[in-house]
Amino acid sequence: MSEIRKPTAILTAAATATNYVNEELSAVDPGAIVLAELDPGVFLISGDLDFFELAEKWRLQPPIFVRHICPVMSYFTLAGDHSDLAAQVRALDDEFVDLIDPALRFSVQSRVLAQLLYKPFDVNRAISDQIRAKVGAELDVRAPQQILSVVCASAVLGPSPRSSNWCFMGLSLPLHNLSDWAGGMRRFARETGQVSRSEFKLLEALEVFGLELEPRGTALDLGASPGGWTRILRQHEQYVTAVDPGDLHPTLASDSDVRHKRMIAQTYLEDDPDKFDLIVNDMRMDARDSARLMVDYAPQLYRNGLVIMTLKLPEQGRHNVIDHAFAILRKAYLIEGARQLFHNRSEITLLLRPIDPKRR
């Protein structure tokens, strides 16, 4: 009789990234297996490494496609009704109260992936109230210093072939989880004056890569129309050159700190352009062609400049395309970050820093 593997962690990624999740997991923990897919893109795993060993490896070298991880330190079956909330509070008392640091702000991040008679809000409130009563730690959902993750889902575990409802719980620091947000699902509120949903991609990239743009910097937005990324750059007090033959949103077209060049990026490069602190590129272009274009633009960056770009990926053969595009980019840049963000679809977002021309 084969050994029943115990779950050690839950990973999340885009629903289309299953193969890549398996590859990234096997690269750091060859003995790890996926026990169940709890929801599209949500994977329950059992590893030879414990969660914190896995988390440390990925903290030092983050994966591209896995967005979020959380530990499984306790798991039990659920009835599916509101009595589950009491069971979760009991598990908190038995397994986690002594592990929670009263001096650190906490958050409860819950996901309810099965058809149950309660919502994540109900789980969060029951457990948060108990933590504050028993531990005295301060609740802070925006900037927690420790996170109790709770995932309620249906899965087939153990010898029974039938699916049951389960609760998986674990405690970790935000730096262990790859993302501070439950499941890596970083949502932004739609703003008055928003130009396009692509703005969320740049906002998330700035957050994930830990970037703070110095006011009065100079930025180049390649393929800018209708101007979503330009608008975010202006919010960060950048002087923006927006390159695109298409129109910009009227609020940007009338902004004196936005210079609109009505041409394609290749033509602008022939026009002896200025140098910039930041170049951004979200153009719909083959990833390898986009990489070649950014190599051509490397001389237009100041020495400490940065690039934020997306690479559009095909449905098949993504790794070959990524490897080829990375090889091209490394002729001129250090690739400091590469992630498939929550707001990415068939693409990944990169953070690049130019290599000193003398070292190329």
Protein backbone atom coordinates (compact mmCIF):
# COMPACT_ATOMS: atom_id res chain seq x y z
CA MET A 1 0.00 0.00 0.00
CA SER A 2 1.47 3.35 -1.05
CA GLU A 3 2.19 6.03 1.53
CA ILE A 4 -0.45 8.75 1.86
CA ARG A 5 1.29 12.07 1.26
CA LYS A 6 0.42 14.94 3.60
CA PRO A 7 -0.18 18.39 2.09
CA THR A 8 2.53 20.95 2.80
CA ALA A 9 1.54 24.02 0.79
CA ILE A 10 -0.93 25.62 -1.61
CA LEU A 11 0.31 27.35 -4.77
CA THR A 12 -1.61 29.67 -7.08
CA ALA A 13 -1.04 30.65 -10.70
CA ALA A 14 -3.02 31.50 -13.80
CA ALA A 15 -5.47 28.77 -14.73
CA THR A 16 -3.55 28.19 -17.98
CA ALA A 17 -0.19 27.75 -16.25
CA THR A 18 -0.52 24.21 -14.86
CA ASN A 19 2.43 22.79 -16.79
CA TYR A 20 4.66 25.68 -15.82
CA VAL A 21 3.73 25.36 -12.14
CA ASN A 22 4.78 21.71 -12.21
CA GLU A 23 8.09 22.61 -13.87
CA GLU A 24 8.88 25.42 -11.45
CA LEU A 25 8.00 23.26 -8.45
CA SER A 26 10.08 20.30 -9.68
CA ALA A 27 13.06 22.58 -10.30
CA VAL A 28 13.32 23.43 -6.58
CA ASP A 29 11.79 20.27 -5.05
CA PRO A 30 12.06 17.24 -7.39
CA GLY A 31 10.10 15.05 -4.98
CA ALA A 32 7.09 17.37 -4.75
CA ILE A 33 3.75 16.32 -6.20
CA VAL A 34 0.42 18.03 -6.81
CA LEU A 35 -2.19 16.29 -4.67
CA ALA A 36 -5.18 18.15 -6.06
CA GLU A 37 -6.22 21.18 -8.08
CA LEU A 38 -8.57 22.87 -5.63
CA ASP A 39 -9.80 25.42 -8.16
CA PRO A 40 -8.49 26.50 -11.56
CA GLY A 41 -4.91 27.58 -10.88
CA VAL A 42 -4.95 26.61 -7.18
CA PHE A 43 -2.77 23.58 -6.38
CA LEU A 44 -2.47 21.58 -3.17
CA ILE A 45 1.01 20.08 -3.02
CA SER A 46 3.06 17.69 -0.92
CA GLY A 47 6.78 18.36 -0.97
CA ASP A 48 9.96 16.77 0.29
CA LEU A 49 10.93 20.28 1.35
CA ASP A 50 8.86 21.79 4.10
CA PHE A 51 7.04 25.00 3.26
CA PHE A 52 9.65 27.34 4.69
CA GLU A 53 12.51 25.67 2.81
CA LEU A 54 10.52 26.03 -0.41
CA ALA A 55 9.57 29.61 0.41
CA GLU A 56 13.19 30.59 1.05
CA LYS A 57 14.31 29.18 -2.30
CA TRP A 58 11.61 31.13 -4.09
CA ARG A 59 12.24 34.25 -2.03
CA LEU A 60 15.81 34.30 -3.28
CA GLN A 61 14.85 33.41 -6.86
CA PRO A 62 11.13 33.95 -7.46
CA PRO A 63 9.36 31.75 -9.98
CA ILE A 64 7.77 33.32 -13.05
CA PHE A 65 4.38 31.61 -13.08
CA VAL A 66 3.67 30.70 -9.43
CA ARG A 67 2.13 33.84 -7.94
CA HIS A 68 1.44 32.97 -4.32
CA ILE A 69 2.19 30.22 -1.82
CA CYS A 70 0.93 29.54 1.68
CA PRO A 71 1.71 26.76 4.17
CA VAL A 72 -0.56 23.89 5.17
CA MET A 73 0.14 23.28 8.86
CA SER A 74 -3.30 21.99 9.81
CA TYR A 75 -6.11 20.45 7.76
CA PHE A 76 -9.45 18.88 8.59
CA THR A 77 -12.80 18.06 7.01
CA LEU A 78 -15.70 20.49 6.98
CA ALA A 79 -19.44 20.03 7.39
CA GLY A 80 -20.20 22.80 4.90
CA ASP A 81 -22.34 24.90 7.23
CA HIS A 82 -21.70 27.61 9.82
CA SER A 83 -20.47 25.03 12.35
CA ASP A 84 -17.24 25.08 10.30
CA LEU A 85 -16.44 28.52 11.72
CA ALA A 86 -16.33 27.10 15.23
CA ALA A 87 -14.12 24.24 13.99
CA GLN A 88 -11.73 26.74 12.44
CA VAL A 89 -11.57 28.74 15.67
CA ARG A 90 -10.82 25.51 17.59
CA ALA A 91 -8.01 24.73 15.15
CA LEU A 92 -6.69 28.23 15.72
CA ASP A 93 -6.69 27.69 19.48
CA ASP A 94 -5.08 24.25 19.24
CA GLU A 95 -2.48 24.85 16.52
CA PHE A 96 -1.72 28.55 16.05
CA VAL A 97 -2.37 30.75 19.08
CA ASP A 98 1.05 29.96 20.55
CA LEU A 99 2.74 30.65 17.18
CA ILE A 100 1.24 34.09 16.54
CA ASP A 101 3.49 36.93 17.70
CA PRO A 102 1.44 39.47 19.70
CA ALA A 103 3.91 42.22 18.76
CA LEU A 104 3.33 41.82 15.00
CA ARG A 105 0.34 43.05 13.02
CA PHE A 106 -1.65 40.20 11.50
CA SER A 107 -4.11 39.47 8.74
CA VAL A 108 -6.35 36.50 8.02
CA GLN A 109 -6.47 35.66 4.32
CA SER A 110 -9.24 33.21 3.53
CA ARG A 111 -10.46 31.69 0.28
CA VAL A 112 -13.65 29.66 0.04
CA LEU A 113 -13.38 27.58 -3.14
CA ALA A 114 -16.21 25.11 -2.45
CA GLN A 115 -19.99 25.56 -2.30
CA LEU A 116 -20.31 26.27 1.42
CA LEU A 117 -22.86 28.22 3.45
CA TYR A 118 -20.47 31.01 4.40
CA LYS A 119 -18.11 33.48 2.72
CA PRO A 120 -14.47 34.50 3.25
CA PHE A 121 -15.66 37.50 5.25
CA ASP A 122 -17.30 35.17 7.80
CA VAL A 123 -14.08 33.16 8.18
CA ASN A 124 -11.94 36.29 8.48
CA ARG A 125 -14.18 37.82 11.15
CA ALA A 126 -14.45 34.69 13.32
CA ILE A 127 -10.72 33.99 13.30
CA SER A 128 -9.60 37.63 13.56
CA ASP A 129 -11.84 38.21 16.58
CA GLN A 130 -10.36 35.16 18.28
CA ILE A 131 -6.76 36.20 17.55
CA ARG A 132 -7.35 39.64 18.99
CA ALA A 133 -9.05 38.15 22.07
CA LYS A 134 -6.51 35.39 22.73
CA VAL A 135 -3.25 36.93 21.46
CA GLY A 136 -3.81 40.67 21.51
CA ALA A 137 -2.16 41.23 18.11
CA GLU A 138 -3.31 44.15 15.96
CA LEU A 139 -5.33 43.41 12.82
CA ASP A 140 -3.92 45.10 9.70
CA VAL A 141 -5.17 43.75 6.38
CA ARG A 142 -3.16 46.22 4.25
CA ALA A 143 0.29 45.82 5.76
CA PRO A 144 0.34 42.67 7.90
CA GLN A 145 3.55 41.32 9.40
CA GLN A 146 2.18 37.80 9.79
CA ILE A 147 -0.56 36.06 7.83
CA LEU A 148 -2.87 33.21 8.79
CA SER A 149 -4.01 31.61 5.53
CA VAL A 150 -7.28 29.66 5.43
CA VAL A 151 -8.38 27.79 2.30
CA CYS A 152 -11.71 25.92 2.22
CA ALA A 153 -12.04 23.62 -0.78
CA SER A 154 -13.25 20.26 -2.05
CA ALA A 155 -10.63 17.58 -2.70
CA VAL A 156 -10.04 13.86 -2.77
CA LEU A 157 -7.44 13.12 -0.08
CA GLY A 158 -6.45 9.87 1.56
CA PRO A 159 -7.71 6.41 0.64
CA SER A 160 -11.33 7.42 -0.03
CA PRO A 161 -12.13 8.03 -3.71
CA ARG A 162 -14.87 10.49 -2.73
CA SER A 163 -14.41 14.24 -2.60
CA SER A 164 -14.81 15.96 0.77
CA ASN A 165 -14.78 19.57 1.91
CA TRP A 166 -11.52 20.47 3.64
CA CYS A 167 -10.02 23.39 5.52
CA PHE A 168 -6.30 24.04 5.12
CA MET A 169 -4.61 26.50 7.51
CA GLY A 170 -1.08 27.85 7.87
CA LEU A 171 0.86 30.75 9.39
CA SER A 172 3.66 32.60 7.61
CA LEU A 173 5.34 35.95 7.15
CA PRO A 174 4.38 37.94 4.03
CA LEU A 175 7.88 37.51 2.58
CA HIS A 176 7.29 33.75 2.50
CA ASN A 177 4.17 34.02 0.34
CA LEU A 178 5.52 35.62 -2.88
CA SER A 179 2.59 38.05 -2.69
CA ASP A 180 1.06 39.94 0.22
CA TRP A 181 -2.44 39.37 -1.20
CA ALA A 182 -4.61 36.27 -0.72
CA GLY A 183 -3.91 33.92 -3.59
CA GLY A 184 -1.76 36.61 -5.21
CA MET A 185 -4.98 38.32 -6.32
CA ARG A 186 -4.00 41.99 -6.21
CA ARG A 187 -7.05 44.07 -7.02
CA PHE A 188 -7.11 47.82 -7.55
CA ALA A 189 -10.14 50.09 -7.35
CA ARG A 190 -11.19 51.65 -10.63
CA GLU A 191 -10.47 55.38 -10.50
CA THR A 192 -12.28 58.33 -11.98
CA GLY A 193 -10.34 59.28 -15.09
CA GLN A 194 -8.91 55.81 -15.63
CA VAL A 195 -7.91 55.38 -19.27
CA SER A 196 -7.62 51.59 -19.54
CA ARG A 197 -7.49 48.42 -17.48
CA SER A 198 -3.84 48.01 -18.49
CA GLU A 199 -3.07 50.61 -15.82
CA PHE A 200 -3.49 47.84 -13.23
CA LYS A 201 -0.57 45.96 -14.78
CA LEU A 202 1.84 48.84 -14.24
CA LEU A 203 0.52 49.54 -10.74
CA GLU A 204 1.01 45.89 -9.81
CA ALA A 205 4.49 45.79 -11.37
CA LEU A 206 5.63 48.82 -9.37
CA GLU A 207 4.36 47.14 -6.20
CA VAL A 208 5.69 43.63 -6.86
CA PHE A 209 9.13 44.88 -7.89
CA GLY A 210 9.24 47.34 -4.98
CA LEU A 211 9.81 50.42 -7.14
CA GLU A 212 9.35 54.01 -6.04
CA LEU A 213 9.76 56.48 -8.90
CA GLU A 214 11.56 59.66 -7.98
CA PRO A 215 9.49 62.76 -8.75
CA ARG A 216 10.44 64.76 -11.84
CA GLY A 217 11.98 61.78 -13.56
CA THR A 218 11.84 61.29 -17.32
CA ALA A 219 9.92 58.34 -18.71
CA LEU A 220 9.38 56.94 -22.19
CA ASP A 221 6.15 55.03 -22.90
CA LEU A 222 6.46 52.94 -26.05
CA GLY A 223 3.18 52.02 -27.70
CA ALA A 224 1.42 54.42 -25.36
CA SER A 225 -2.07 54.80 -26.90
CA PRO A 226 -4.59 55.34 -25.37
CA GLY A 227 -2.31 56.30 -22.49
CA GLY A 228 -3.06 54.10 -19.48
CA TRP A 229 0.57 53.64 -18.51
CA THR A 230 1.31 57.29 -19.29
CA ARG A 231 -1.42 58.30 -16.83
CA ILE A 232 0.13 56.18 -14.07
CA LEU A 233 3.55 57.65 -14.79
CA ARG A 234 2.11 61.15 -14.53
CA GLN A 235 0.56 60.21 -11.19
CA HIS A 236 4.12 59.43 -10.09
CA GLU A 237 5.22 62.91 -11.26
CA GLN A 238 7.18 61.73 -14.29
CA TYR A 239 7.69 63.82 -17.41
CA VAL A 240 6.50 61.45 -20.11
CA THR A 241 7.30 61.03 -23.78
CA ALA A 242 4.49 58.92 -25.22
CA VAL A 243 5.31 57.23 -28.53
CA ASP A 244 2.40 55.91 -30.59
CA PRO A 245 0.78 56.84 -33.92
CA GLY A 246 -2.61 56.53 -32.21
CA ASP A 247 -4.40 59.12 -30.11
CA LEU A 248 -3.95 59.69 -26.40
CA HIS A 249 -6.86 60.20 -24.05
CA PRO A 250 -7.87 63.91 -24.09
CA THR A 251 -6.78 64.41 -20.46
CA LEU A 252 -3.27 63.37 -21.46
CA ALA A 253 -3.22 65.15 -24.81
CA SER A 254 -3.77 68.42 -22.95
CA ASP A 255 -1.11 67.72 -20.30
CA SER A 256 1.92 69.96 -20.87
CA ASP A 257 4.17 67.40 -19.17
CA VAL A 258 3.28 64.74 -21.75
CA ARG A 259 5.06 64.92 -25.10
CA HIS A 260 3.24 62.85 -27.72
CA LYS A 261 5.32 61.53 -30.61
CA ARG A 262 2.94 60.29 -33.31
CA MET A 263 5.12 57.55 -34.73
CA ILE A 264 6.07 53.94 -34.14
CA ALA A 265 8.82 53.10 -31.67
CA GLN A 266 11.29 52.10 -34.38
CA THR A 267 10.92 55.47 -36.13
CA TYR A 268 11.33 57.42 -32.91
CA LEU A 269 14.61 55.63 -32.26
CA GLU A 270 15.92 56.96 -35.58
CA ASP A 271 15.05 60.51 -34.47
CA ASP A 272 17.99 60.87 -32.03
CA PRO A 273 15.76 60.66 -28.91
CA ASP A 274 16.60 61.89 -25.44
CA LYS A 275 17.79 59.75 -22.54
CA PHE A 276 15.36 58.55 -19.90
CA ASP A 277 15.22 57.34 -16.31
CA LEU A 278 12.54 54.78 -17.18
CA ILE A 279 11.30 53.10 -20.35
CA VAL A 280 8.03 51.15 -20.32
CA ASN A 281 6.75 48.91 -23.09
CA ASP A 282 3.39 47.12 -23.17
CA MET A 283 3.17 46.76 -26.96
CA ARG A 284 1.34 43.89 -28.63
CA MET A 285 4.39 42.44 -30.32
CA ASP A 286 6.08 39.06 -30.56
CA ALA A 287 8.17 38.65 -27.41
CA ARG A 288 11.43 38.20 -29.32
CA ASP A 289 10.83 41.24 -31.52
CA SER A 290 9.97 43.26 -28.43
CA ALA A 291 13.21 42.10 -26.78
CA ARG A 292 15.22 43.18 -29.83
CA LEU A 293 13.56 46.58 -29.75
CA MET A 294 14.43 47.05 -26.09
CA VAL A 295 18.06 46.12 -26.76
CA ASP A 296 18.10 48.86 -29.41
CA TYR A 297 16.70 51.29 -26.84
CA ALA A 298 19.25 50.45 -24.11
CA PRO A 299 21.55 53.39 -25.03
CA GLN A 300 18.64 55.76 -24.38
CA LEU A 301 18.62 54.91 -20.67
CA TYR A 302 20.61 56.76 -18.06
CA ARG A 303 23.14 54.59 -16.27
CA ASN A 304 20.77 53.92 -13.36
CA GLY A 305 17.70 53.70 -15.55
CA LEU A 306 15.13 50.92 -15.60
CA VAL A 307 12.82 49.15 -18.03
CA ILE A 308 9.41 47.71 -17.24
CA MET A 309 8.05 45.66 -20.13
CA THR A 310 5.64 42.88 -20.91
CA LEU A 311 6.46 39.89 -23.09
CA LYS A 312 3.46 38.55 -25.02
CA LEU A 313 3.50 34.75 -25.04
CA PRO A 314 1.94 32.16 -27.34
CA GLU A 315 -0.33 29.44 -25.96
CA GLN A 316 2.20 26.73 -26.89
CA GLY A 317 5.98 26.68 -26.50
CA ARG A 318 6.11 29.50 -23.98
CA HIS A 319 9.38 28.41 -22.39
CA ASN A 320 11.20 28.40 -25.73
CA VAL A 321 9.93 31.90 -26.46
CA ILE A 322 10.87 33.12 -22.98
CA ASP A 323 14.35 31.59 -23.18
CA HIS A 324 14.95 33.15 -26.60
CA ALA A 325 13.67 36.57 -25.52
CA PHE A 326 15.76 36.46 -22.33
CA ALA A 327 18.88 35.57 -24.32
CA ILE A 328 18.30 38.61 -26.52
CA LEU A 329 17.66 40.94 -23.57
CA ARG A 330 20.78 39.78 -21.73
CA LYS A 331 22.92 41.34 -24.45
CA ALA A 332 22.05 44.72 -22.90
CA TYR A 333 20.28 44.17 -19.57
CA LEU A 334 20.25 42.41 -16.25
CA ILE A 335 16.85 40.77 -15.79
CA GLU A 336 16.06 41.74 -12.21
CA GLY A 337 12.49 40.46 -12.16
CA ALA A 338 10.22 38.28 -14.29
CA ARG A 339 6.71 37.45 -13.07
CA GLN A 340 3.31 36.59 -14.42
CA LEU A 341 1.32 39.08 -12.39
CA PHE A 342 -2.34 38.79 -11.44
CA HIS A 343 -3.23 41.40 -14.07
CA ASN A 344 -1.18 39.71 -16.79
CA ARG A 345 -2.95 37.39 -19.17
CA SER A 346 -0.91 35.66 -21.91
CA GLU A 347 2.21 37.59 -20.96
CA ILE A 348 4.79 38.14 -18.26
CA THR A 349 6.18 41.38 -16.86
CA LEU A 350 9.91 42.08 -16.64
CA LEU A 351 12.09 44.52 -14.72
CA LEU A 352 15.36 45.26 -16.52
CA ARG A 353 18.47 47.24 -15.60
CA PRO A 354 20.97 48.20 -18.33
CA ILE A 355 24.44 46.68 -18.33
CA ASP A 356 27.32 49.12 -18.47
CA PRO A 357 28.24 49.22 -22.21
CA LYS A 358 31.89 48.63 -21.27
CA ARG A 359 30.90 45.24 -19.78
CA ARG A 360 28.84 43.98 -22.73
